[in-house]
Amino acid sequence: MPDHTHAMTVQLAGDNAAVDATIGQIELPADGPWLIHDVAGQVVRQTGVAAESVGGHFRLSPPAGDLTPDPRPSNFPVFEHGSFLGATDSVTVCPMHRYPTEYNAAGKATIDLLARTAIAMTNAPLWVISCIFGPTRPPVRPAIFVDNIRSTILTNVATQVGTLNLSEKATRITGIAGILQQDGTLTTAEELIGHFFLTSDDVKLSPLQLPFNAIFGAGLGALIGSRPQGPVNFIPVDIPVPGGARIDGFVDLLSTVTVAADVEIFVQYE
């Protein structure tokens, strides 16, 4: 039987036409059965174009019989930014759009994750789509301990953020949140998008690939400014851990950035 919460995430450019685009495929771990209890999506623009909004929906498309009930239709809405007028626009923000679900799957079930823009666009938008699953739906628990790691990241290869040393009193991880934010000088026409993941030598976490609280679309023009992301939302998880466990956090950006971005990963546990 599976033991705790896991998550798998894909990220890629979609299509600039209002058609289905495959963002990626996941294969659930072999030691099922699994309950996919949450899905999440985000979308941002690569380049701002006046009079074009950014958004649409994502959906799950497994082979027949891999998920019960069959998730068709499963068009989950994701919107980033309405249209603007002129030659300058601020950096845009897309919060994590997370939806509770109830899909049962066997081990090694495969799922294509598709996305479609609501309107045709000049440039293809960038998508992040996640499936969060486990043996059961994790309960939402009050915070007792919360710790974090932080680093600055430039590159689009998986990069370690740091290592958390949990308290010797730790028994289970109950929530996780990731913060991605641009600091320093903004660069026009540059998005900030990615996901993060956790690993450990002390407990089998993988796969545990999760979306950030928010990602950011490209600003337009020389007078760009940043916009605040919304309140931080911890993703509920249920992961038993031994006291004193060491947890390694990593970030995987879709594209490089000119000025290093701030990354913080928060782990709530009891």
C-alpha atoms as a PDB file:
ATOM      1  CA  MET A   1       0.000   0.000   0.000  1.00  0.00           C
ATOM      2  CA  PRO A   2       1.179   3.588  -0.603  1.00  0.00           C
ATOM      3  CA  ASP A   3       2.286   5.399   2.517  1.00  0.00           C
ATOM      4  CA  HIS A   4       1.875   9.173   2.154  1.00  0.00           C
ATOM      5  CA  THR A   5       1.245  12.224  -0.020  1.00  0.00           C
ATOM      6  CA  HIS A   6       3.108  12.651  -3.313  1.00  0.00           C
ATOM      7  CA  ALA A   7       2.853  15.116  -6.215  1.00  0.00           C
ATOM      8  CA  MET A   8       3.957  15.280  -9.844  1.00  0.00           C
ATOM      9  CA  THR A   9       4.272  18.465 -11.922  1.00  0.00           C
ATOM     10  CA  VAL A  10       4.846  19.340 -15.580  1.00  0.00           C
ATOM     11  CA  GLN A  11       5.733  22.743 -17.066  1.00  0.00           C
ATOM     12  CA  LEU A  12       6.009  23.828 -20.695  1.00  0.00           C
ATOM     13  CA  ALA A  13       4.851  26.367 -23.263  1.00  0.00           C
ATOM     14  CA  GLY A  14       1.345  25.694 -24.547  1.00  0.00           C
ATOM     15  CA  ASP A  15      -0.110  26.732 -27.902  1.00  0.00           C
ATOM     16  CA  ASN A  16      -0.906  30.269 -28.971  1.00  0.00           C
ATOM     17  CA  ALA A  17      -4.085  29.052 -30.693  1.00  0.00           C
ATOM     18  CA  ALA A  18      -7.176  28.109 -28.690  1.00  0.00           C
ATOM     19  CA  VAL A  19      -6.506  24.388 -29.072  1.00  0.00           C
ATOM     20  CA  ASP A  20      -5.445  21.588 -26.739  1.00  0.00           C
ATOM     21  CA  ALA A  21      -1.704  21.419 -26.085  1.00  0.00           C
ATOM     22  CA  THR A  22      -0.025  18.574 -24.213  1.00  0.00           C
ATOM     23  CA  ILE A  23       2.048  20.121 -21.413  1.00  0.00           C
ATOM     24  CA  GLY A  24       3.364  16.747 -20.282  1.00  0.00           C
ATOM     25  CA  GLN A  25       2.567  13.217 -19.168  1.00  0.00           C
ATOM     26  CA  ILE A  26       2.937  11.690 -15.713  1.00  0.00           C
ATOM     27  CA  GLU A  27       3.051   8.065 -14.618  1.00  0.00           C
ATOM     28  CA  LEU A  28       1.986   7.454 -11.041  1.00  0.00           C
ATOM     29  CA  PRO A  29       4.310   5.354  -8.847  1.00  0.00           C
ATOM     30  CA  ALA A  30       3.867   1.603  -8.973  1.00  0.00           C
ATOM     31  CA  ASP A  31       2.907   1.150  -5.322  1.00  0.00           C
ATOM     32  CA  GLY A  32      -0.732   2.213  -5.647  1.00  0.00           C
ATOM     33  CA  PRO A  33      -3.671   2.413  -5.446  1.00  0.00           C
ATOM     34  CA  TRP A  34      -3.759   6.193  -5.351  1.00  0.00           C
ATOM     35  CA  LEU A  35      -6.295   8.921  -4.742  1.00  0.00           C
ATOM     36  CA  ILE A  36      -5.649  12.087  -6.785  1.00  0.00           C
ATOM     37  CA  HIS A  37      -7.128  14.506  -4.258  1.00  0.00           C
ATOM     38  CA  ASP A  38      -5.965  17.840  -5.707  1.00  0.00           C
ATOM     39  CA  VAL A  39      -4.945  19.293  -9.056  1.00  0.00           C
ATOM     40  CA  ALA A  40      -3.361  22.696  -9.611  1.00  0.00           C
ATOM     41  CA  GLY A  41      -2.578  24.896 -12.586  1.00  0.00           C
ATOM     42  CA  GLN A  42      -0.864  28.171 -13.443  1.00  0.00           C
ATOM     43  CA  VAL A  43      -0.364  30.110 -16.675  1.00  0.00           C
ATOM     44  CA  VAL A  44       1.664  33.222 -17.552  1.00  0.00           C
ATOM     45  CA  ARG A  45       2.496  35.209 -20.661  1.00  0.00           C
ATOM     46  CA  GLN A  46       5.926  35.108 -22.283  1.00  0.00           C
ATOM     47  CA  THR A  47       5.536  38.539 -23.889  1.00  0.00           C
ATOM     48  CA  GLY A  48       2.851  41.105 -23.173  1.00  0.00           C
ATOM     49  CA  VAL A  49       0.693  42.137 -26.130  1.00  0.00           C
ATOM     50  CA  ALA A  50      -1.889  44.917 -25.815  1.00  0.00           C
ATOM     51  CA  ALA A  51      -5.542  43.849 -25.965  1.00  0.00           C
ATOM     52  CA  GLU A  52      -4.769  40.183 -25.195  1.00  0.00           C
ATOM     53  CA  SER A  53      -5.835  38.514 -21.966  1.00  0.00           C
ATOM     54  CA  VAL A  54      -4.012  35.459 -20.596  1.00  0.00           C
ATOM     55  CA  GLY A  55      -5.869  32.412 -19.329  1.00  0.00           C
ATOM     56  CA  GLY A  56      -7.843  29.331 -20.190  1.00  0.00           C
ATOM     57  CA  HIS A  57      -8.120  25.885 -18.648  1.00  0.00           C
ATOM     58  CA  PHE A  58      -6.221  22.648 -18.094  1.00  0.00           C
ATOM     59  CA  ARG A  59      -7.519  19.097 -18.002  1.00  0.00           C
ATOM     60  CA  LEU A  60      -6.560  15.501 -17.299  1.00  0.00           C
ATOM     61  CA  SER A  61      -6.627  13.013 -20.172  1.00  0.00           C
ATOM     62  CA  PRO A  62      -5.773   9.434 -19.101  1.00  0.00           C
ATOM     63  CA  PRO A  63      -6.226   6.284 -21.169  1.00  0.00           C
ATOM     64  CA  ALA A  64      -9.650   4.712 -20.653  1.00  0.00           C
ATOM     65  CA  GLY A  65      -9.819   2.965 -17.304  1.00  0.00           C
ATOM     66  CA  ASP A  66      -6.696   4.506 -15.735  1.00  0.00           C
ATOM     67  CA  LEU A  67      -8.737   6.874 -13.527  1.00  0.00           C
ATOM     68  CA  THR A  68     -12.096   6.264 -11.869  1.00  0.00           C
ATOM     69  CA  PRO A  69     -14.315   8.111 -12.497  1.00  0.00           C
ATOM     70  CA  ASP A  70     -13.077   9.075 -15.940  1.00  0.00           C
ATOM     71  CA  PRO A  71     -12.141  12.800 -15.781  1.00  0.00           C
ATOM     72  CA  ARG A  72     -13.790  13.855 -19.022  1.00  0.00           C
ATOM     73  CA  PRO A  73     -14.696  16.660 -19.099  1.00  0.00           C
ATOM     74  CA  SER A  74     -12.368  18.124 -16.483  1.00  0.00           C
ATOM     75  CA  ASN A  75     -11.742  21.685 -17.642  1.00  0.00           C
ATOM     76  CA  PHE A  76     -10.248  23.474 -14.615  1.00  0.00           C
ATOM     77  CA  PRO A  77     -10.085  27.287 -15.089  1.00  0.00           C
ATOM     78  CA  VAL A  78      -6.810  29.205 -14.776  1.00  0.00           C
ATOM     79  CA  PHE A  79      -6.525  32.943 -15.486  1.00  0.00           C
ATOM     80  CA  GLU A  80      -3.587  35.293 -15.085  1.00  0.00           C
ATOM     81  CA  HIS A  81      -4.241  38.775 -16.490  1.00  0.00           C
ATOM     82  CA  GLY A  82      -6.788  40.797 -18.398  1.00  0.00           C
ATOM     83  CA  SER A  83      -5.865  42.852 -21.436  1.00  0.00           C
ATOM     84  CA  PHE A  84      -4.122  46.231 -21.211  1.00  0.00           C
ATOM     85  CA  LEU A  85      -3.742  49.308 -23.408  1.00  0.00           C
ATOM     86  CA  GLY A  86      -0.455  50.885 -24.475  1.00  0.00           C
ATOM     87  CA  ALA A  87       3.218  49.969 -24.794  1.00  0.00           C
ATOM     88  CA  THR A  88       4.005  49.376 -21.115  1.00  0.00           C
ATOM     89  CA  ASP A  89       2.591  46.906 -18.613  1.00  0.00           C
ATOM     90  CA  SER A  90       3.656  45.589 -15.212  1.00  0.00           C
ATOM     91  CA  VAL A  91       4.883  42.111 -14.410  1.00  0.00           C
ATOM     92  CA  THR A  92       1.806  39.885 -14.165  1.00  0.00           C
ATOM     93  CA  VAL A  93       1.029  37.366 -11.422  1.00  0.00           C
ATOM     94  CA  CYS A  94      -0.696  33.989 -11.573  1.00  0.00           C
ATOM     95  CA  PRO A  95      -1.517  32.462  -8.187  1.00  0.00           C
ATOM     96  CA  MET A  96      -1.722  28.723  -7.699  1.00  0.00           C
ATOM     97  CA  HIS A  97      -5.194  27.582  -8.794  1.00  0.00           C
ATOM     98  CA  ARG A  98      -5.750  24.428  -6.693  1.00  0.00           C
ATOM     99  CA  TYR A  99      -8.903  22.311  -6.956  1.00  0.00           C
ATOM    100  CA  PRO A 100      -9.961  19.370  -4.740  1.00  0.00           C
ATOM    101  CA  THR A 101     -10.683  16.236  -6.785  1.00  0.00           C
ATOM    102  CA  GLU A 102     -11.635  12.592  -6.215  1.00  0.00           C
ATOM    103  CA  TYR A 103      -9.972  10.356  -8.831  1.00  0.00           C
ATOM    104  CA  ASN A 104      -8.909   6.801  -8.008  1.00  0.00           C
ATOM    105  CA  ALA A 105      -5.945   5.319  -9.866  1.00  0.00           C
ATOM    106  CA  ALA A 106      -3.891   2.153  -9.836  1.00  0.00           C
ATOM    107  CA  GLY A 107      -0.113   2.171  -9.662  1.00  0.00           C
ATOM    108  CA  LYS A 108       1.606   3.143 -12.936  1.00  0.00           C
ATOM    109  CA  ALA A 109      -1.527   4.876 -14.262  1.00  0.00           C
ATOM    110  CA  THR A 110      -0.598   7.420 -16.934  1.00  0.00           C
ATOM    111  CA  ILE A 111      -2.171  10.847 -17.416  1.00  0.00           C
ATOM    112  CA  ASP A 112      -1.673  13.391 -20.191  1.00  0.00           C
ATOM    113  CA  LEU A 113      -1.980  16.933 -18.840  1.00  0.00           C
ATOM    114  CA  LEU A 114      -3.443  19.288 -21.438  1.00  0.00           C
ATOM    115  CA  ALA A 115      -3.997  23.049 -21.533  1.00  0.00           C
ATOM    116  CA  ARG A 116      -5.961  25.398 -23.778  1.00  0.00           C
ATOM    117  CA  THR A 117      -5.945  29.191 -23.930  1.00  0.00           C
ATOM    118  CA  ALA A 118      -9.337  30.904 -23.850  1.00  0.00           C
ATOM    119  CA  ILE A 119      -8.498  33.089 -26.864  1.00  0.00           C
ATOM    120  CA  ALA A 120      -5.872  32.926 -29.598  1.00  0.00           C
ATOM    121  CA  MET A 121      -2.715  34.797 -28.595  1.00  0.00           C
ATOM    122  CA  THR A 122       0.283  36.242 -30.403  1.00  0.00           C
ATOM    123  CA  ASN A 123       2.715  34.254 -28.240  1.00  0.00           C
ATOM    124  CA  ALA A 124       2.204  30.872 -26.597  1.00  0.00           C
ATOM    125  CA  PRO A 125       1.713  31.130 -22.821  1.00  0.00           C
ATOM    126  CA  LEU A 126       3.651  29.064 -20.272  1.00  0.00           C
ATOM    127  CA  TRP A 127       1.899  26.483 -18.085  1.00  0.00           C
ATOM    128  CA  VAL A 128       2.516  24.614 -14.825  1.00  0.00           C
ATOM    129  CA  ILE A 129       0.161  21.705 -14.009  1.00  0.00           C
ATOM    130  CA  SER A 130       0.317  19.486 -10.916  1.00  0.00           C
ATOM    131  CA  CYS A 131      -1.432  16.356  -9.612  1.00  0.00           C
ATOM    132  CA  ILE A 132      -1.282  15.763  -5.844  1.00  0.00           C
ATOM    133  CA  PHE A 133      -2.087  12.239  -4.653  1.00  0.00           C
ATOM    134  CA  GLY A 134      -1.731   9.730  -1.864  1.00  0.00           C
ATOM    135  CA  PRO A 135      -3.473   6.796  -0.198  1.00  0.00           C
ATOM    136  CA  THR A 136      -6.139   9.148   1.236  1.00  0.00           C
ATOM    137  CA  ARG A 137      -6.983  12.846   1.308  1.00  0.00           C
ATOM    138  CA  PRO A 138      -4.711  14.554   3.858  1.00  0.00           C
ATOM    139  CA  PRO A 139      -6.523  16.397   6.658  1.00  0.00           C
ATOM    140  CA  VAL A 140      -5.938  20.120   7.127  1.00  0.00           C
ATOM    141  CA  ARG A 141      -4.027  20.375  10.420  1.00  0.00           C
ATOM    142  CA  PRO A 142      -3.083  23.414  12.519  1.00  0.00           C
ATOM    143  CA  ALA A 143       0.534  24.556  12.364  1.00  0.00           C
ATOM    144  CA  ILE A 144       2.809  23.530  15.226  1.00  0.00           C
ATOM    145  CA  PHE A 145       6.286  23.857  13.727  1.00  0.00           C
ATOM    146  CA  VAL A 146       7.100  25.793  10.527  1.00  0.00           C
ATOM    147  CA  ASP A 147      10.613  26.029   9.130  1.00  0.00           C
ATOM    148  CA  ASN A 148      12.019  27.290   5.848  1.00  0.00           C
ATOM    149  CA  ILE A 149      15.006  27.372   3.517  1.00  0.00           C
ATOM    150  CA  ARG A 150      15.900  30.178   1.109  1.00  0.00           C
ATOM    151  CA  SER A 151      18.236  30.790  -1.815  1.00  0.00           C
ATOM    152  CA  THR A 152      18.608  32.860  -4.980  1.00  0.00           C
ATOM    153  CA  ILE A 153      18.398  31.157  -8.378  1.00  0.00           C
ATOM    154  CA  LEU A 154      19.450  32.177 -11.899  1.00  0.00           C
ATOM    155  CA  THR A 155      19.500  28.956 -13.892  1.00  0.00           C
ATOM    156  CA  ASN A 156      16.843  26.690 -15.388  1.00  0.00           C
ATOM    157  CA  VAL A 157      18.377  23.417 -14.193  1.00  0.00           C
ATOM    158  CA  ALA A 158      17.265  21.722 -10.968  1.00  0.00           C
ATOM    159  CA  THR A 159      19.131  23.577  -8.207  1.00  0.00           C
ATOM    160  CA  GLN A 160      19.236  22.884  -4.485  1.00  0.00           C
ATOM    161  CA  VAL A 161      17.716  25.589  -2.316  1.00  0.00           C
ATOM    162  CA  GLY A 162      18.946  24.142   0.970  1.00  0.00           C
ATOM    163  CA  THR A 163      18.412  21.470   3.631  1.00  0.00           C
ATOM    164  CA  LEU A 164      15.917  21.555   6.478  1.00  0.00           C
ATOM    165  CA  ASN A 165      16.708  19.765   9.726  1.00  0.00           C
ATOM    166  CA  LEU A 166      13.388  18.911  11.343  1.00  0.00           C
ATOM    167  CA  SER A 167      12.997  18.935  15.117  1.00  0.00           C
ATOM    168  CA  GLU A 168      13.692  15.703  16.986  1.00  0.00           C
ATOM    169  CA  LYS A 169      10.038  15.959  18.045  1.00  0.00           C
ATOM    170  CA  ALA A 170       8.815  15.797  14.423  1.00  0.00           C
ATOM    171  CA  THR A 171       6.363  13.011  13.552  1.00  0.00           C
ATOM    172  CA  ARG A 172       4.740  14.127  10.281  1.00  0.00           C
ATOM    173  CA  ILE A 173       4.837  16.885   7.652  1.00  0.00           C
ATOM    174  CA  THR A 174       1.380  18.458   7.388  1.00  0.00           C
ATOM    175  CA  GLY A 175       1.797  21.320   4.906  1.00  0.00           C
ATOM    176  CA  ILE A 176       4.223  22.686   2.313  1.00  0.00           C
ATOM    177  CA  ALA A 177       4.459  26.071   0.586  1.00  0.00           C
ATOM    178  CA  GLY A 178       6.880  27.486  -1.983  1.00  0.00           C
ATOM    179  CA  ILE A 179       7.500  31.182  -2.663  1.00  0.00           C
ATOM    180  CA  LEU A 180       9.034  32.378  -5.925  1.00  0.00           C
ATOM    181  CA  GLN A 181       9.689  36.101  -6.321  1.00  0.00           C
ATOM    182  CA  GLN A 182      11.855  38.397  -8.411  1.00  0.00           C
ATOM    183  CA  ASP A 183      14.223  40.671  -6.507  1.00  0.00           C
ATOM    184  CA  GLY A 184      16.561  43.412  -7.691  1.00  0.00           C
ATOM    185  CA  THR A 185      16.293  44.997 -11.138  1.00  0.00           C
ATOM    186  CA  LEU A 186      13.415  43.774 -13.298  1.00  0.00           C
ATOM    187  CA  THR A 187      14.138  42.700 -16.859  1.00  0.00           C
ATOM    188  CA  THR A 188      11.530  43.456 -19.503  1.00  0.00           C
ATOM    189  CA  ALA A 189       9.998  40.542 -21.458  1.00  0.00           C
ATOM    190  CA  GLU A 190      11.206  37.991 -18.884  1.00  0.00           C
ATOM    191  CA  GLU A 191       8.892  35.555 -17.122  1.00  0.00           C
ATOM    192  CA  LEU A 192       9.567  33.829 -13.788  1.00  0.00           C
ATOM    193  CA  ILE A 193       8.015  30.370 -13.717  1.00  0.00           C
ATOM    194  CA  GLY A 194       8.850  26.959 -12.281  1.00  0.00           C
ATOM    195  CA  HIS A 195       8.086  24.446  -9.535  1.00  0.00           C
ATOM    196  CA  PHE A 196       9.933  23.005  -6.536  1.00  0.00           C
ATOM    197  CA  PHE A 197      10.482  19.530  -5.139  1.00  0.00           C
ATOM    198  CA  LEU A 198      11.616  17.836  -1.946  1.00  0.00           C
ATOM    199  CA  THR A 199      13.827  14.788  -1.408  1.00  0.00           C
ATOM    200  CA  SER A 200      15.323  13.097   1.658  1.00  0.00           C
ATOM    201  CA  ASP A 201      17.669  10.281   2.627  1.00  0.00           C
ATOM    202  CA  ASP A 202      15.632   9.761   5.806  1.00  0.00           C
ATOM    203  CA  VAL A 203      12.155   9.250   4.320  1.00  0.00           C
ATOM    204  CA  LYS A 204      10.962   8.349   0.815  1.00  0.00           C
ATOM    205  CA  LEU A 205       9.476  11.630  -0.399  1.00  0.00           C
ATOM    206  CA  SER A 206       9.900  11.343  -4.181  1.00  0.00           C
ATOM    207  CA  PRO A 207       7.961  12.198  -6.185  1.00  0.00           C
ATOM    208  CA  LEU A 208       7.031  15.393  -4.361  1.00  0.00           C
ATOM    209  CA  GLN A 209       6.983  18.091  -7.076  1.00  0.00           C
ATOM    210  CA  LEU A 210       4.797  21.044  -6.120  1.00  0.00           C
ATOM    211  CA  PRO A 211       3.658  24.377  -7.624  1.00  0.00           C
ATOM    212  CA  PHE A 212       4.778  27.687  -6.189  1.00  0.00           C
ATOM    213  CA  ASN A 213       2.317  29.999  -4.465  1.00  0.00           C
ATOM    214  CA  ALA A 214       2.549  32.255  -7.549  1.00  0.00           C
ATOM    215  CA  ILE A 215       4.482  32.599 -10.800  1.00  0.00           C
ATOM    216  CA  PHE A 216       5.061  35.727 -12.912  1.00  0.00           C
ATOM    217  CA  GLY A 217       4.552  36.730 -16.520  1.00  0.00           C
ATOM    218  CA  ALA A 218       6.820  39.035 -18.507  1.00  0.00           C
ATOM    219  CA  GLY A 219       6.560  42.791 -18.116  1.00  0.00           C
ATOM    220  CA  LEU A 220       6.438  45.025 -21.168  1.00  0.00           C
ATOM    221  CA  GLY A 221       8.408  48.210 -21.792  1.00  0.00           C
ATOM    222  CA  ALA A 222      11.054  50.090 -19.860  1.00  0.00           C
ATOM    223  CA  LEU A 223       8.775  51.306 -17.051  1.00  0.00           C
ATOM    224  CA  ILE A 224       7.689  47.917 -15.740  1.00  0.00           C
ATOM    225  CA  GLY A 225       6.900  47.294 -12.094  1.00  0.00           C
ATOM    226  CA  SER A 226       6.180  44.215 -10.037  1.00  0.00           C
ATOM    227  CA  ARG A 227       2.851  43.225  -8.538  1.00  0.00           C
ATOM    228  CA  PRO A 228       2.359  41.540  -5.150  1.00  0.00           C
ATOM    229  CA  GLN A 229       1.408  37.911  -4.967  1.00  0.00           C
ATOM    230  CA  GLY A 230      -1.548  36.963  -2.822  1.00  0.00           C
ATOM    231  CA  PRO A 231      -1.603  35.305   0.614  1.00  0.00           C
ATOM    232  CA  VAL A 232       0.556  32.223   1.027  1.00  0.00           C
ATOM    233  CA  ASN A 233      -1.408  28.962   0.829  1.00  0.00           C
ATOM    234  CA  PHE A 234       0.107  25.836   2.343  1.00  0.00           C
ATOM    235  CA  ILE A 235      -0.668  22.655   0.417  1.00  0.00           C
ATOM    236  CA  PRO A 236      -1.979  20.055   2.907  1.00  0.00           C
ATOM    237  CA  VAL A 237       0.068  16.837   2.959  1.00  0.00           C
ATOM    238  CA  ASP A 238       0.326  13.838   5.271  1.00  0.00           C
ATOM    239  CA  ILE A 239       3.900  12.526   5.371  1.00  0.00           C
ATOM    240  CA  PRO A 240       5.162  10.570   8.413  1.00  0.00           C
ATOM    241  CA  VAL A 241       8.805  11.422   9.213  1.00  0.00           C
ATOM    242  CA  PRO A 242      11.338  10.345  11.831  1.00  0.00           C
ATOM    243  CA  GLY A 243      12.437  12.941  14.360  1.00  0.00           C
ATOM    244  CA  GLY A 244      15.426  14.940  13.172  1.00  0.00           C
ATOM    245  CA  ALA A 245      14.851  14.066   9.487  1.00  0.00           C
ATOM    246  CA  ARG A 246      16.797  16.093   6.906  1.00  0.00           C
ATOM    247  CA  ILE A 247      14.728  17.411   3.982  1.00  0.00           C
ATOM    248  CA  ASP A 248      16.421  18.726   0.813  1.00  0.00           C
ATOM    249  CA  GLY A 249      14.585  21.335  -1.264  1.00  0.00           C
ATOM    250  CA  PHE A 250      15.159  22.044  -4.971  1.00  0.00           C
ATOM    251  CA  VAL A 251      13.795  24.500  -7.537  1.00  0.00           C
ATOM    252  CA  ASP A 252      13.337  23.850 -11.259  1.00  0.00           C
ATOM    253  CA  LEU A 253      12.760  27.020 -13.319  1.00  0.00           C
ATOM    254  CA  LEU A 254      11.407  26.756 -16.862  1.00  0.00           C
ATOM    255  CA  SER A 255      13.742  29.492 -18.121  1.00  0.00           C
ATOM    256  CA  THR A 256      16.768  31.380 -16.853  1.00  0.00           C
ATOM    257  CA  VAL A 257      16.508  34.863 -15.374  1.00  0.00           C
ATOM    258  CA  THR A 258      18.878  37.799 -15.721  1.00  0.00           C
ATOM    259  CA  VAL A 259      18.773  38.811 -12.056  1.00  0.00           C
ATOM    260  CA  ALA A 260      18.609  36.038  -9.466  1.00  0.00           C
ATOM    261  CA  ALA A 261      15.133  35.196  -8.178  1.00  0.00           C
ATOM    262  CA  ASP A 262      14.351  34.575  -4.516  1.00  0.00           C
ATOM    263  CA  VAL A 263      13.115  31.085  -3.626  1.00  0.00           C
ATOM    264  CA  GLU A 264      11.775  30.048  -0.225  1.00  0.00           C
ATOM    265  CA  ILE A 265      10.323  26.673   0.759  1.00  0.00           C
ATOM    266  CA  PHE A 266       8.299  26.368   3.976  1.00  0.00           C
ATOM    267  CA  VAL A 267       7.547  23.052   5.690  1.00  0.00           C
ATOM    268  CA  GLN A 268       4.856  22.798   8.353  1.00  0.00           C
ATOM    269  CA  TYR A 269       5.089  19.769  10.653  1.00  0.00           C
ATOM    270  CA  GLU A 270       4.087  18.348  14.009  1.00  0.00           C
END
